[in-house]
Amino acid sequence: MSQWTEWNGGPMPVDCDEVFYRLRHSPDRVLGPTRPDLLRWDHGRTPTSASDPALRRSDIVAYRVVPARPLEVRE
């Protein structure tokens, strides 16, 4: 499993199938695995998130890539 990477916001930083992640309001709680394209990575850098302070609580502060699983070979 990869190490935790701290995150300060911006465009989605990964191109993978799944990540574990931690949020600002509960940094000790590990969430996931989840597809990264379903998460909000921006930290208030879009008009929608910048206008809603409650979304800041859900900022991703760290993530960890889930290693790809090998495909099953069927015979």
C-alpha atoms as a PDB file:
ATOM      1  CA  MET A   1       0.000   0.000   0.000  1.00  0.00           C
ATOM      2  CA  SER A   2       1.304   3.469  -0.826  1.00  0.00           C
ATOM      3  CA  GLN A   3       2.151   6.091   1.801  1.00  0.00           C
ATOM      4  CA  TRP A   4      -0.191   8.938   2.752  1.00  0.00           C
ATOM      5  CA  THR A   5       0.198  12.058   0.623  1.00  0.00           C
ATOM      6  CA  GLU A   6      -0.796  15.393   2.172  1.00  0.00           C
ATOM      7  CA  TRP A   7      -3.194  17.378   0.006  1.00  0.00           C
ATOM      8  CA  ASN A   8      -3.709  21.168  -0.117  1.00  0.00           C
ATOM      9  CA  GLY A   9      -6.320  21.279  -2.865  1.00  0.00           C
ATOM     10  CA  GLY A  10      -6.354  21.615  -6.615  1.00  0.00           C
ATOM     11  CA  PRO A  11      -7.209  19.413  -9.586  1.00  0.00           C
ATOM     12  CA  MET A  12      -7.517  15.666  -8.964  1.00  0.00           C
ATOM     13  CA  PRO A  13      -3.894  14.545  -8.432  1.00  0.00           C
ATOM     14  CA  VAL A  14      -4.181  10.861  -9.282  1.00  0.00           C
ATOM     15  CA  ASP A  15      -5.010   8.603 -12.195  1.00  0.00           C
ATOM     16  CA  CYS A  16      -5.930   5.355 -10.488  1.00  0.00           C
ATOM     17  CA  ASP A  17      -8.941   3.190  -9.744  1.00  0.00           C
ATOM     18  CA  GLU A  18      -9.292   3.770  -5.989  1.00  0.00           C
ATOM     19  CA  VAL A  19      -7.977   5.866  -3.099  1.00  0.00           C
ATOM     20  CA  PHE A  20      -8.305   5.978   0.653  1.00  0.00           C
ATOM     21  CA  TYR A  21      -8.649   9.525   1.974  1.00  0.00           C
ATOM     22  CA  ARG A  22      -8.910  11.685   5.087  1.00  0.00           C
ATOM     23  CA  LEU A  23     -11.043  14.808   5.545  1.00  0.00           C
ATOM     24  CA  ARG A  24     -10.365  18.070   7.382  1.00  0.00           C
ATOM     25  CA  HIS A  25     -13.139  17.557   9.969  1.00  0.00           C
ATOM     26  CA  SER A  26     -11.947  14.043  10.914  1.00  0.00           C
ATOM     27  CA  PRO A  27      -8.283  13.681   9.880  1.00  0.00           C
ATOM     28  CA  ASP A  28      -7.772  10.483  11.890  1.00  0.00           C
ATOM     29  CA  ARG A  29     -10.633   8.671  10.154  1.00  0.00           C
ATOM     30  CA  VAL A  30      -9.745   6.747   6.982  1.00  0.00           C
ATOM     31  CA  LEU A  31     -12.436   6.697   4.298  1.00  0.00           C
ATOM     32  CA  GLY A  32     -12.628   4.588   1.156  1.00  0.00           C
ATOM     33  CA  PRO A  33     -11.652   2.894  -0.939  1.00  0.00           C
ATOM     34  CA  THR A  34     -13.414   5.188  -3.407  1.00  0.00           C
ATOM     35  CA  ARG A  35     -12.973   6.128  -7.058  1.00  0.00           C
ATOM     36  CA  PRO A  36     -11.066   9.427  -7.027  1.00  0.00           C
ATOM     37  CA  ASP A  37     -13.232  10.965  -9.753  1.00  0.00           C
ATOM     38  CA  LEU A  38     -16.181  10.849  -7.332  1.00  0.00           C
ATOM     39  CA  LEU A  39     -14.410  13.075  -4.775  1.00  0.00           C
ATOM     40  CA  ARG A  40     -14.075  16.871  -4.496  1.00  0.00           C
ATOM     41  CA  TRP A  41     -10.354  17.681  -4.541  1.00  0.00           C
ATOM     42  CA  ASP A  42     -10.441  21.460  -5.050  1.00  0.00           C
ATOM     43  CA  HIS A  43     -10.578  22.877  -1.451  1.00  0.00           C
ATOM     44  CA  GLY A  44     -12.983  25.677  -2.293  1.00  0.00           C
ATOM     45  CA  ARG A  45     -11.398  26.650  -5.566  1.00  0.00           C
ATOM     46  CA  THR A  46     -14.587  26.469  -7.598  1.00  0.00           C
ATOM     47  CA  PRO A  47     -17.491  28.955  -7.423  1.00  0.00           C
ATOM     48  CA  THR A  48     -19.761  26.319  -5.858  1.00  0.00           C
ATOM     49  CA  SER A  49     -17.396  25.244  -3.097  1.00  0.00           C
ATOM     50  CA  ALA A  50     -16.057  28.758  -2.437  1.00  0.00           C
ATOM     51  CA  SER A  51     -19.578  30.014  -1.732  1.00  0.00           C
ATOM     52  CA  ASP A  52     -20.354  27.219   0.776  1.00  0.00           C
ATOM     53  CA  PRO A  53     -18.103  27.257   3.902  1.00  0.00           C
ATOM     54  CA  ALA A  54     -19.639  23.983   5.086  1.00  0.00           C
ATOM     55  CA  LEU A  55     -17.890  22.239   2.201  1.00  0.00           C
ATOM     56  CA  ARG A  56     -14.499  23.227   3.684  1.00  0.00           C
ATOM     57  CA  ARG A  57     -15.089  20.692   6.466  1.00  0.00           C
ATOM     58  CA  SER A  58     -15.057  17.999   3.796  1.00  0.00           C
ATOM     59  CA  ASP A  59     -11.770  19.043   2.183  1.00  0.00           C
ATOM     60  CA  ILE A  60      -9.479  16.090   1.477  1.00  0.00           C
ATOM     61  CA  VAL A  61      -6.312  16.618   3.533  1.00  0.00           C
ATOM     62  CA  ALA A  62      -4.522  13.361   2.670  1.00  0.00           C
ATOM     63  CA  TYR A  63      -4.922  10.434   0.306  1.00  0.00           C
ATOM     64  CA  ARG A  64      -3.371   7.052  -0.395  1.00  0.00           C
ATOM     65  CA  VAL A  65      -3.586   5.175  -3.687  1.00  0.00           C
ATOM     66  CA  VAL A  66      -5.002   1.647  -3.531  1.00  0.00           C
ATOM     67  CA  PRO A  67      -2.755  -0.649  -5.572  1.00  0.00           C
ATOM     68  CA  ALA A  68      -4.371  -2.024  -8.725  1.00  0.00           C
ATOM     69  CA  ARG A  69      -5.702  -5.528  -8.339  1.00  0.00           C
ATOM     70  CA  PRO A  70      -4.552  -8.108 -10.856  1.00  0.00           C
ATOM     71  CA  LEU A  71      -7.196  -9.234 -13.321  1.00  0.00           C
ATOM     72  CA  GLU A  72      -8.531 -12.723 -12.806  1.00  0.00           C
ATOM     73  CA  VAL A  73      -7.636 -15.151 -15.552  1.00  0.00           C
ATOM     74  CA  ARG A  74     -10.460 -17.501 -16.418  1.00  0.00           C
ATOM     75  CA  GLU A  75      -9.750 -20.725 -18.217  1.00  0.00           C
END
